[in-house]
Amino acid sequence: MPLAGYLCAEGITRQFRQADLPVPVFDLAESIDLPIDRHRFSSNICGFCSRFRGEYIVVVNSIHSDTRQRFSAAHELGHCLCHLESGVHRVFHCSTGDLLASKSLYERQANAFAAELLMPRRLIVEVLNTGCRKLSELAGLFYVSCEAMHWRLQTLRVDHDTDLGYVFWKTRGRHRAASSE
């Protein structure tokens, strides 16, 4: 996992507790003066961000599902906070095919940021330790798609079966997976 995106989001998510789920990505963006607009685009465009005359522009596709919009918003925030802030001057846009298959370092970092922002490792471990074992329930708590939760669990090396929709987790002791990135 691209460490820069993860570390950037981890600092933001320290404030959240299990009771705060799902992480309020649009409110969070507003609170740091990066409001996210929603506009209708063709279905293959997820969103984009840019910096114009010192102002950030972040837009997500309003025709996508709420969970898709949340991931797109978090992904674009990752670009703003990890890339545009560091002096990278370009427009970042994502399409539905880019998100998981991208070989671009910037896109992988934005994905890592979005995953940690919406599904913080620490909170996934807390929820699993409470006994939650259904993939759909876990995705529902974090208000992400089952596919996003599958990929997050995979990057955290948490055993799960997508066909059964079940997460395998030991509540006693420290689980070897998900304890480190």
N, C-alpha and C. Protein backbone atom coordinates (compact mmCIF):
# COMPACT_ATOMS: atom_id res chain seq x y z
N MET A 1 0.85 -1.18 0.00
CA MET A 1 0.00 0.00 0.00
C MET A 1 0.89 1.24 0.00
N PRO A 2 0.59 2.21 -0.85
CA PRO A 2 1.37 3.44 -0.84
C PRO A 2 1.26 4.15 0.50
N LEU A 3 2.37 4.20 1.19
CA LEU A 3 2.42 4.66 2.57
C LEU A 3 1.98 6.11 2.74
N ALA A 4 2.33 6.99 1.81
CA ALA A 4 2.01 8.42 1.96
C ALA A 4 0.51 8.64 2.08
N GLY A 5 -0.29 7.99 1.23
CA GLY A 5 -1.74 8.14 1.29
C GLY A 5 -2.29 7.61 2.59
N TYR A 6 -1.79 6.45 3.02
CA TYR A 6 -2.25 5.85 4.27
C TYR A 6 -1.94 6.75 5.47
N LEU A 7 -0.70 7.22 5.56
CA LEU A 7 -0.29 8.04 6.70
C LEU A 7 -1.04 9.36 6.76
N CYS A 8 -1.29 9.95 5.61
CA CYS A 8 -2.04 11.20 5.56
C CYS A 8 -3.44 10.99 6.12
N ALA A 9 -4.12 9.93 5.72
CA ALA A 9 -5.48 9.66 6.19
C ALA A 9 -5.49 9.20 7.64
N GLU A 10 -4.48 8.44 8.04
CA GLU A 10 -4.44 7.95 9.42
C GLU A 10 -4.43 9.11 10.41
N GLY A 11 -3.72 10.17 10.08
CA GLY A 11 -3.69 11.34 10.96
C GLY A 11 -5.06 11.97 11.11
N ILE A 12 -5.84 11.97 10.05
CA ILE A 12 -7.18 12.55 10.08
C ILE A 12 -8.14 11.65 10.86
N THR A 13 -8.02 10.34 10.70
CA THR A 13 -9.00 9.42 11.28
C THR A 13 -8.79 9.14 12.76
N ARG A 14 -7.71 9.62 13.34
CA ARG A 14 -7.48 9.39 14.78
C ARG A 14 -8.62 9.93 15.63
N GLN A 15 -9.29 10.96 15.15
CA GLN A 15 -10.36 11.59 15.91
C GLN A 15 -11.65 10.76 15.95
N PHE A 16 -11.81 9.82 15.03
CA PHE A 16 -13.06 9.08 14.92
C PHE A 16 -13.09 7.86 15.82
N ARG A 17 -14.27 7.57 16.30
CA ARG A 17 -14.53 6.39 17.14
C ARG A 17 -15.57 5.52 16.44
N GLN A 18 -15.75 4.33 16.92
CA GLN A 18 -16.71 3.41 16.34
C GLN A 18 -18.11 4.03 16.29
N ALA A 19 -18.46 4.81 17.30
CA ALA A 19 -19.77 5.46 17.35
C ALA A 19 -19.93 6.52 16.26
N ASP A 20 -18.84 6.98 15.67
CA ASP A 20 -18.88 8.00 14.64
C ASP A 20 -19.12 7.42 13.24
N LEU A 21 -19.15 6.11 13.12
CA LEU A 21 -19.30 5.49 11.81
C LEU A 21 -20.68 5.75 11.24
N PRO A 22 -20.78 5.92 9.94
CA PRO A 22 -19.69 5.98 8.97
C PRO A 22 -18.96 7.32 9.04
N VAL A 23 -17.70 7.31 8.67
CA VAL A 23 -16.89 8.54 8.68
C VAL A 23 -17.59 9.56 7.76
N PRO A 24 -17.88 10.75 8.26
CA PRO A 24 -18.63 11.77 7.50
C PRO A 24 -17.74 12.51 6.50
N VAL A 25 -17.43 11.87 5.39
CA VAL A 25 -16.43 12.39 4.46
C VAL A 25 -16.80 13.77 3.90
N PHE A 26 -18.07 14.00 3.58
CA PHE A 26 -18.45 15.30 3.01
C PHE A 26 -18.37 16.41 4.07
N ASP A 27 -18.79 16.10 5.29
CA ASP A 27 -18.68 17.08 6.39
C ASP A 27 -17.21 17.35 6.72
N LEU A 28 -16.42 16.31 6.70
CA LEU A 28 -14.99 16.46 6.97
C LEU A 28 -14.34 17.38 5.93
N ALA A 29 -14.68 17.16 4.67
CA ALA A 29 -14.14 18.00 3.59
C ALA A 29 -14.55 19.46 3.80
N GLU A 30 -15.80 19.66 4.15
CA GLU A 30 -16.31 21.02 4.40
C GLU A 30 -15.54 21.68 5.55
N SER A 31 -15.26 20.89 6.59
CA SER A 31 -14.59 21.44 7.78
C SER A 31 -13.15 21.86 7.51
N ILE A 32 -12.54 21.32 6.47
CA ILE A 32 -11.17 21.72 6.13
C ILE A 32 -11.14 22.58 4.87
N ASP A 33 -12.27 23.23 4.59
CA ASP A 33 -12.41 24.15 3.46
C ASP A 33 -12.12 23.51 2.11
N LEU A 34 -12.55 22.26 1.95
CA LEU A 34 -12.47 21.57 0.67
C LEU A 34 -13.85 21.00 0.33
N PRO A 35 -14.87 21.90 0.20
CA PRO A 35 -16.21 21.38 -0.07
C PRO A 35 -16.25 20.60 -1.38
N ILE A 36 -17.08 19.60 -1.40
CA ILE A 36 -17.19 18.72 -2.56
C ILE A 36 -18.52 18.96 -3.24
N ASP A 37 -18.46 19.29 -4.52
CA ASP A 37 -19.67 19.48 -5.32
C ASP A 37 -20.06 18.16 -5.97
N ARG A 38 -21.33 18.06 -6.29
CA ARG A 38 -21.82 16.88 -7.00
C ARG A 38 -22.44 17.35 -8.32
N HIS A 39 -21.96 16.77 -9.41
CA HIS A 39 -22.48 17.09 -10.74
C HIS A 39 -22.71 15.80 -11.51
N ARG A 40 -23.57 15.91 -12.48
CA ARG A 40 -23.90 14.76 -13.31
C ARG A 40 -22.89 14.68 -14.47
N PHE A 41 -22.22 13.53 -14.57
CA PHE A 41 -21.28 13.26 -15.66
C PHE A 41 -21.68 11.95 -16.32
N SER A 42 -20.96 11.57 -17.36
CA SER A 42 -21.19 10.23 -17.92
C SER A 42 -20.83 9.22 -16.83
N SER A 43 -21.41 8.05 -16.90
CA SER A 43 -21.29 7.09 -15.81
C SER A 43 -19.86 6.60 -15.56
N ASN A 44 -18.96 6.72 -16.54
CA ASN A 44 -17.59 6.22 -16.32
C ASN A 44 -16.68 7.23 -15.63
N ILE A 45 -17.15 8.44 -15.38
CA ILE A 45 -16.37 9.44 -14.64
C ILE A 45 -16.81 9.42 -13.19
N CYS A 46 -15.86 9.21 -12.27
CA CYS A 46 -16.18 9.19 -10.84
C CYS A 46 -16.08 10.57 -10.22
N GLY A 47 -15.06 11.32 -10.58
CA GLY A 47 -14.87 12.64 -10.01
C GLY A 47 -13.56 13.24 -10.45
N PHE A 48 -13.30 14.46 -9.98
CA PHE A 48 -12.02 15.10 -10.28
C PHE A 48 -11.72 16.14 -9.23
N CYS A 49 -10.47 16.55 -9.19
CA CYS A 49 -10.06 17.66 -8.34
C CYS A 49 -8.98 18.45 -9.06
N SER A 50 -8.92 19.72 -8.72
CA SER A 50 -7.93 20.60 -9.32
C SER A 50 -7.73 21.78 -8.38
N ARG A 51 -6.71 22.52 -8.65
CA ARG A 51 -6.45 23.76 -7.90
C ARG A 51 -6.42 24.87 -8.93
N PHE A 52 -7.29 25.85 -8.77
CA PHE A 52 -7.42 26.93 -9.73
C PHE A 52 -7.43 28.25 -8.98
N ARG A 53 -6.45 29.11 -9.28
CA ARG A 53 -6.31 30.41 -8.62
C ARG A 53 -6.30 30.27 -7.10
N GLY A 54 -5.59 29.26 -6.63
CA GLY A 54 -5.44 29.05 -5.20
C GLY A 54 -6.61 28.35 -4.52
N GLU A 55 -7.67 28.09 -5.25
CA GLU A 55 -8.85 27.43 -4.71
C GLU A 55 -8.91 25.99 -5.21
N TYR A 56 -9.34 25.11 -4.34
CA TYR A 56 -9.52 23.72 -4.73
C TYR A 56 -10.92 23.51 -5.30
N ILE A 57 -10.99 22.69 -6.29
CA ILE A 57 -12.26 22.29 -6.88
C ILE A 57 -12.31 20.78 -6.78
N VAL A 58 -13.32 20.27 -6.08
CA VAL A 58 -13.50 18.83 -5.94
C VAL A 58 -14.93 18.52 -6.34
N VAL A 59 -15.09 17.59 -7.28
CA VAL A 59 -16.41 17.24 -7.80
C VAL A 59 -16.52 15.73 -7.91
N VAL A 60 -17.68 15.21 -7.51
CA VAL A 60 -17.97 13.78 -7.71
C VAL A 60 -19.23 13.64 -8.55
N ASN A 61 -19.38 12.49 -9.14
CA ASN A 61 -20.48 12.22 -10.05
C ASN A 61 -21.77 11.92 -9.28
N SER A 62 -22.77 12.75 -9.47
CA SER A 62 -24.02 12.62 -8.72
C SER A 62 -24.88 11.44 -9.17
N ILE A 63 -24.59 10.84 -10.31
CA ILE A 63 -25.43 9.71 -10.75
C ILE A 63 -24.96 8.38 -10.15
N HIS A 64 -23.81 8.38 -9.50
CA HIS A 64 -23.32 7.15 -8.87
C HIS A 64 -24.01 6.92 -7.53
N SER A 65 -23.91 5.70 -7.04
CA SER A 65 -24.49 5.36 -5.74
C SER A 65 -23.83 6.19 -4.64
N ASP A 66 -24.51 6.30 -3.51
CA ASP A 66 -23.95 7.06 -2.38
C ASP A 66 -22.60 6.50 -1.95
N THR A 67 -22.47 5.18 -1.91
CA THR A 67 -21.20 4.59 -1.49
C THR A 67 -20.10 4.89 -2.50
N ARG A 68 -20.43 4.89 -3.78
CA ARG A 68 -19.45 5.23 -4.82
C ARG A 68 -19.04 6.70 -4.69
N GLN A 69 -20.02 7.58 -4.44
CA GLN A 69 -19.72 9.00 -4.27
C GLN A 69 -18.82 9.23 -3.06
N ARG A 70 -19.07 8.49 -1.98
CA ARG A 70 -18.24 8.63 -0.78
C ARG A 70 -16.79 8.22 -1.07
N PHE A 71 -16.62 7.08 -1.79
CA PHE A 71 -15.25 6.66 -2.09
C PHE A 71 -14.59 7.65 -3.05
N SER A 72 -15.33 8.11 -4.05
CA SER A 72 -14.77 9.09 -5.00
C SER A 72 -14.37 10.37 -4.27
N ALA A 73 -15.23 10.83 -3.35
CA ALA A 73 -14.93 12.05 -2.59
C ALA A 73 -13.66 11.85 -1.77
N ALA A 74 -13.55 10.73 -1.08
CA ALA A 74 -12.36 10.45 -0.28
C ALA A 74 -11.12 10.34 -1.16
N HIS A 75 -11.25 9.71 -2.31
CA HIS A 75 -10.14 9.55 -3.27
C HIS A 75 -9.66 10.94 -3.73
N GLU A 76 -10.60 11.80 -4.10
CA GLU A 76 -10.22 13.13 -4.58
C GLU A 76 -9.63 13.98 -3.45
N LEU A 77 -10.16 13.83 -2.24
CA LEU A 77 -9.54 14.51 -1.09
C LEU A 77 -8.10 14.06 -0.91
N GLY A 78 -7.86 12.77 -1.14
CA GLY A 78 -6.50 12.25 -1.08
C GLY A 78 -5.58 12.96 -2.04
N HIS A 79 -6.07 13.18 -3.26
CA HIS A 79 -5.27 13.94 -4.23
C HIS A 79 -5.00 15.35 -3.71
N CYS A 80 -6.03 16.01 -3.19
CA CYS A 80 -5.86 17.39 -2.71
C CYS A 80 -4.84 17.46 -1.58
N LEU A 81 -4.97 16.57 -0.62
CA LEU A 81 -4.13 16.65 0.58
C LEU A 81 -2.74 16.04 0.38
N CYS A 82 -2.62 15.05 -0.48
CA CYS A 82 -1.33 14.38 -0.66
C CYS A 82 -0.56 14.89 -1.88
N HIS A 83 -1.26 15.41 -2.87
CA HIS A 83 -0.58 15.73 -4.13
C HIS A 83 -0.63 17.22 -4.46
N LEU A 84 -1.83 17.79 -4.50
CA LEU A 84 -1.91 19.21 -4.86
C LEU A 84 -1.26 20.10 -3.83
N GLU A 85 -1.38 19.72 -2.55
CA GLU A 85 -0.73 20.49 -1.48
C GLU A 85 0.79 20.44 -1.60
N SER A 86 1.31 19.34 -2.14
CA SER A 86 2.76 19.19 -2.22
C SER A 86 3.34 19.82 -3.49
N GLY A 87 2.52 20.57 -4.20
CA GLY A 87 3.04 21.30 -5.36
C GLY A 87 2.84 20.61 -6.69
N VAL A 88 2.16 19.48 -6.71
CA VAL A 88 1.86 18.83 -7.99
C VAL A 88 0.75 19.64 -8.64
N HIS A 89 1.01 20.19 -9.81
CA HIS A 89 0.02 21.03 -10.48
C HIS A 89 -0.54 20.28 -11.67
N ARG A 90 -1.66 19.62 -11.43
CA ARG A 90 -2.35 18.93 -12.50
C ARG A 90 -3.76 18.65 -12.06
N VAL A 91 -4.58 18.28 -12.98
CA VAL A 91 -5.95 17.90 -12.68
C VAL A 91 -5.96 16.39 -12.50
N PHE A 92 -6.55 15.93 -11.41
CA PHE A 92 -6.71 14.50 -11.18
C PHE A 92 -8.16 14.16 -11.44
N HIS A 93 -8.38 13.17 -12.24
CA HIS A 93 -9.75 12.67 -12.42
C HIS A 93 -9.69 11.16 -12.39
N CYS A 94 -10.77 10.57 -11.96
CA CYS A 94 -10.79 9.12 -11.93
C CYS A 94 -11.99 8.62 -12.69
N SER A 95 -11.80 7.50 -13.34
CA SER A 95 -12.90 6.83 -14.02
C SER A 95 -13.11 5.49 -13.32
N THR A 96 -14.23 4.87 -13.58
CA THR A 96 -14.57 3.65 -12.85
C THR A 96 -13.55 2.55 -13.07
N GLY A 97 -12.88 2.51 -14.20
CA GLY A 97 -11.88 1.48 -14.45
C GLY A 97 -10.55 1.73 -13.78
N ASP A 98 -10.29 2.98 -13.37
CA ASP A 98 -8.99 3.36 -12.82
C ASP A 98 -8.77 2.91 -11.39
N LEU A 99 -9.80 2.91 -10.59
CA LEU A 99 -9.63 2.91 -9.14
C LEU A 99 -8.84 1.74 -8.59
N LEU A 100 -9.09 0.56 -9.04
CA LEU A 100 -8.39 -0.58 -8.45
C LEU A 100 -7.23 -1.06 -9.31
N ALA A 101 -7.27 -0.78 -10.60
CA ALA A 101 -6.26 -1.32 -11.49
C ALA A 101 -5.13 -0.35 -11.82
N SER A 102 -5.19 0.85 -11.32
CA SER A 102 -4.22 1.86 -11.70
C SER A 102 -2.80 1.50 -11.27
N LYS A 103 -1.87 1.77 -12.14
CA LYS A 103 -0.46 1.57 -11.83
C LYS A 103 0.19 2.90 -11.43
N SER A 104 -0.54 4.00 -11.56
CA SER A 104 -0.03 5.32 -11.21
C SER A 104 0.15 5.43 -9.70
N LEU A 105 1.32 5.90 -9.30
CA LEU A 105 1.59 6.09 -7.87
C LEU A 105 0.58 7.05 -7.25
N TYR A 106 0.27 8.15 -7.94
CA TYR A 106 -0.69 9.11 -7.41
C TYR A 106 -2.05 8.46 -7.19
N GLU A 107 -2.50 7.65 -8.12
CA GLU A 107 -3.81 7.00 -7.99
C GLU A 107 -3.80 5.97 -6.87
N ARG A 108 -2.72 5.22 -6.76
CA ARG A 108 -2.63 4.23 -5.67
C ARG A 108 -2.59 4.93 -4.31
N GLN A 109 -1.89 6.06 -4.22
CA GLN A 109 -1.87 6.81 -2.97
C GLN A 109 -3.25 7.36 -2.64
N ALA A 110 -3.96 7.88 -3.63
CA ALA A 110 -5.31 8.40 -3.39
C ALA A 110 -6.25 7.27 -2.97
N ASN A 111 -6.09 6.09 -3.55
CA ASN A 111 -6.89 4.93 -3.14
C ASN A 111 -6.58 4.53 -1.70
N ALA A 112 -5.31 4.52 -1.35
CA ALA A 112 -4.91 4.18 0.02
C ALA A 112 -5.47 5.20 1.00
N PHE A 113 -5.43 6.47 0.62
CA PHE A 113 -6.00 7.52 1.46
C PHE A 113 -7.49 7.28 1.66
N ALA A 114 -8.21 7.05 0.56
CA ALA A 114 -9.66 6.85 0.63
C ALA A 114 -10.01 5.63 1.48
N ALA A 115 -9.28 4.55 1.31
CA ALA A 115 -9.55 3.33 2.08
C ALA A 115 -9.34 3.57 3.57
N GLU A 116 -8.26 4.23 3.93
CA GLU A 116 -7.99 4.48 5.35
C GLU A 116 -8.96 5.52 5.91
N LEU A 117 -9.34 6.50 5.12
CA LEU A 117 -10.27 7.52 5.60
C LEU A 117 -11.65 6.92 5.87
N LEU A 118 -12.16 6.15 4.92
CA LEU A 118 -13.51 5.60 5.06
C LEU A 118 -13.57 4.35 5.91
N MET A 119 -12.47 3.58 5.91
CA MET A 119 -12.43 2.30 6.62
C MET A 119 -11.14 2.22 7.43
N PRO A 120 -11.01 3.08 8.45
CA PRO A 120 -9.76 3.10 9.22
C PRO A 120 -9.42 1.72 9.79
N ARG A 121 -8.19 1.31 9.61
CA ARG A 121 -7.72 0.01 10.10
C ARG A 121 -8.10 -0.19 11.55
N ARG A 122 -7.83 0.80 12.36
CA ARG A 122 -8.09 0.72 13.80
C ARG A 122 -9.57 0.43 14.08
N LEU A 123 -10.47 1.08 13.34
CA LEU A 123 -11.89 0.89 13.57
C LEU A 123 -12.40 -0.43 13.01
N ILE A 124 -11.81 -0.89 11.91
CA ILE A 124 -12.17 -2.22 11.41
C ILE A 124 -11.83 -3.27 12.47
N VAL A 125 -10.65 -3.17 13.06
CA VAL A 125 -10.24 -4.11 14.10
C VAL A 125 -11.22 -4.04 15.28
N GLU A 126 -11.58 -2.83 15.71
CA GLU A 126 -12.53 -2.68 16.82
C GLU A 126 -13.87 -3.35 16.51
N VAL A 127 -14.38 -3.11 15.30
CA VAL A 127 -15.67 -3.68 14.92
C VAL A 127 -15.58 -5.21 14.84
N LEU A 128 -14.51 -5.72 14.27
CA LEU A 128 -14.34 -7.18 14.20
C LEU A 128 -14.23 -7.78 15.60
N ASN A 129 -13.60 -7.06 16.51
CA ASN A 129 -13.48 -7.55 17.89
C ASN A 129 -14.81 -7.56 18.64
N THR A 130 -15.81 -6.82 18.13
CA THR A 130 -17.14 -6.86 18.75
C THR A 130 -17.95 -8.05 18.28
N GLY A 131 -17.43 -8.79 17.28
CA GLY A 131 -18.13 -9.98 16.82
C GLY A 131 -18.74 -9.88 15.44
N CYS A 132 -18.64 -8.75 14.79
CA CYS A 132 -19.19 -8.61 13.44
C CYS A 132 -18.41 -9.52 12.49
N ARG A 133 -19.11 -10.40 11.78
CA ARG A 133 -18.43 -11.32 10.88
C ARG A 133 -18.99 -11.31 9.46
N LYS A 134 -20.09 -10.62 9.23
CA LYS A 134 -20.67 -10.58 7.88
C LYS A 134 -20.08 -9.42 7.10
N LEU A 135 -19.60 -9.73 5.92
CA LEU A 135 -19.00 -8.71 5.06
C LEU A 135 -20.00 -7.59 4.77
N SER A 136 -21.25 -7.93 4.52
CA SER A 136 -22.26 -6.91 4.22
C SER A 136 -22.54 -6.02 5.42
N GLU A 137 -22.53 -6.57 6.63
CA GLU A 137 -22.73 -5.75 7.83
C GLU A 137 -21.55 -4.82 8.05
N LEU A 138 -20.36 -5.34 7.84
CA LEU A 138 -19.16 -4.52 7.98
C LEU A 138 -19.18 -3.37 6.97
N ALA A 139 -19.51 -3.69 5.72
CA ALA A 139 -19.61 -2.65 4.69
C ALA A 139 -20.69 -1.64 5.05
N GLY A 140 -21.81 -2.11 5.59
CA GLY A 140 -22.90 -1.21 5.98
C GLY A 140 -22.51 -0.27 7.11
N LEU A 141 -21.79 -0.76 8.10
CA LEU A 141 -21.34 0.09 9.20
C LEU A 141 -20.45 1.23 8.72
N PHE A 142 -19.60 0.92 7.75
CA PHE A 142 -18.67 1.93 7.23
C PHE A 142 -19.27 2.68 6.03
N TYR A 143 -20.45 2.28 5.60
CA TYR A 143 -21.18 2.83 4.46
C TYR A 143 -20.31 2.89 3.21
N VAL A 144 -19.79 1.70 2.87
CA VAL A 144 -19.02 1.51 1.65
C VAL A 144 -19.60 0.29 0.94
N SER A 145 -19.23 0.09 -0.29
CA SER A 145 -19.70 -1.08 -1.02
C SER A 145 -19.02 -2.34 -0.48
N CYS A 146 -19.64 -3.48 -0.71
CA CYS A 146 -19.02 -4.74 -0.31
C CYS A 146 -17.70 -4.94 -1.05
N GLU A 147 -17.64 -4.46 -2.30
CA GLU A 147 -16.40 -4.57 -3.07
C GLU A 147 -15.28 -3.75 -2.43
N ALA A 148 -15.60 -2.53 -2.00
CA ALA A 148 -14.59 -1.69 -1.34
C ALA A 148 -14.13 -2.35 -0.04
N MET A 149 -15.07 -2.92 0.72
CA MET A 149 -14.69 -3.58 1.97
C MET A 149 -13.84 -4.82 1.68
N HIS A 150 -14.19 -5.55 0.64
CA HIS A 150 -13.38 -6.72 0.25
C HIS A 150 -11.94 -6.30 -0.01
N TRP A 151 -11.74 -5.24 -0.81
CA TRP A 151 -10.39 -4.79 -1.13
C TRP A 151 -9.66 -4.28 0.11
N ARG A 152 -10.40 -3.62 0.99
CA ARG A 152 -9.78 -3.12 2.23
C ARG A 152 -9.32 -4.27 3.10
N LEU A 153 -10.19 -5.26 3.28
CA LEU A 153 -9.80 -6.44 4.08
C LEU A 153 -8.62 -7.16 3.45
N GLN A 154 -8.61 -7.21 2.13
CA GLN A 154 -7.50 -7.86 1.44
C GLN A 154 -6.19 -7.11 1.70
N THR A 155 -6.20 -5.77 1.63
CA THR A 155 -4.96 -5.02 1.88
C THR A 155 -4.53 -5.13 3.33
N LEU A 156 -5.50 -5.33 4.24
CA LEU A 156 -5.18 -5.50 5.65
C LEU A 156 -4.83 -6.95 5.99
N ARG A 157 -4.90 -7.82 5.01
CA ARG A 157 -4.62 -9.25 5.18
C ARG A 157 -5.55 -9.90 6.20
N VAL A 158 -6.82 -9.51 6.14
CA VAL A 158 -7.84 -10.13 6.99
C VAL A 158 -8.53 -11.20 6.15
N ASP A 159 -8.48 -12.43 6.62
CA ASP A 159 -9.10 -13.53 5.88
C ASP A 159 -10.61 -13.34 5.80
N HIS A 160 -11.13 -13.52 4.59
CA HIS A 160 -12.57 -13.42 4.38
C HIS A 160 -12.93 -14.17 3.10
N ASP A 161 -14.18 -14.51 2.99
CA ASP A 161 -14.68 -15.23 1.83
C ASP A 161 -15.82 -14.40 1.23
N THR A 162 -15.60 -13.85 0.03
CA THR A 162 -16.62 -13.01 -0.58
C THR A 162 -17.83 -13.82 -1.02
N ASP A 163 -17.64 -15.08 -1.40
CA ASP A 163 -18.78 -15.91 -1.80
C ASP A 163 -19.70 -16.18 -0.61
N LEU A 164 -19.13 -16.47 0.54
CA LEU A 164 -19.91 -16.70 1.75
C LEU A 164 -20.29 -15.39 2.44
N GLY A 165 -19.57 -14.32 2.12
CA GLY A 165 -19.81 -13.04 2.76
C GLY A 165 -19.41 -13.04 4.22
N TYR A 166 -18.35 -13.78 4.53
CA TYR A 166 -17.95 -13.99 5.92
C TYR A 166 -16.50 -13.56 6.14
N VAL A 167 -16.25 -12.96 7.31
CA VAL A 167 -14.91 -12.55 7.69
C VAL A 167 -14.43 -13.49 8.80
N PHE A 168 -13.24 -14.02 8.63
CA PHE A 168 -12.65 -14.91 9.63
C PHE A 168 -11.76 -14.08 10.54
N TRP A 169 -12.05 -14.08 11.82
CA TRP A 169 -11.34 -13.19 12.74
C TRP A 169 -11.28 -13.82 14.12
N LYS A 170 -10.10 -13.76 14.72
CA LYS A 170 -9.93 -14.23 16.10
C LYS A 170 -10.02 -13.03 17.04
N THR A 171 -10.91 -13.11 18.01
CA THR A 171 -11.06 -11.98 18.93
C THR A 171 -10.08 -12.04 20.09
N ARG A 172 -9.56 -13.21 20.39
CA ARG A 172 -8.59 -13.34 21.48
C ARG A 172 -7.20 -12.99 20.99
N GLY A 173 -6.49 -12.23 21.79
CA GLY A 173 -5.11 -11.89 21.43
C GLY A 173 -5.07 -10.93 20.25
N ARG A 174 -3.91 -10.66 19.80
CA ARG A 174 -3.70 -9.76 18.69
C ARG A 174 -3.69 -10.53 17.39
N HIS A 175 -4.53 -10.15 16.48
CA HIS A 175 -4.62 -10.80 15.18
C HIS A 175 -3.37 -10.44 14.38
N ARG A 176 -2.72 -11.42 13.77
CA ARG A 176 -1.48 -11.14 13.06
C ARG A 176 -1.70 -10.24 11.85
N ALA A 177 -2.83 -10.40 11.18
CA ALA A 177 -3.14 -9.53 10.06
C ALA A 177 -3.83 -8.29 10.61
N ALA A 178 -3.80 -7.24 9.87
CA ALA A 178 -4.42 -5.96 10.21
C ALA A 178 -3.74 -5.25 11.37
N SER A 179 -2.71 -5.86 11.95
CA SER A 179 -2.02 -5.19 13.06
C SER A 179 -0.93 -4.26 12.55
N SER A 180 -0.58 -4.40 11.30
CA SER A 180 0.40 -3.48 10.71
C SER A 180 0.12 -3.32 9.25
N GLU A 181 0.53 -2.22 8.70
CA GLU A 181 0.33 -1.93 7.27
C GLU A 181 1.51 -2.40 6.49
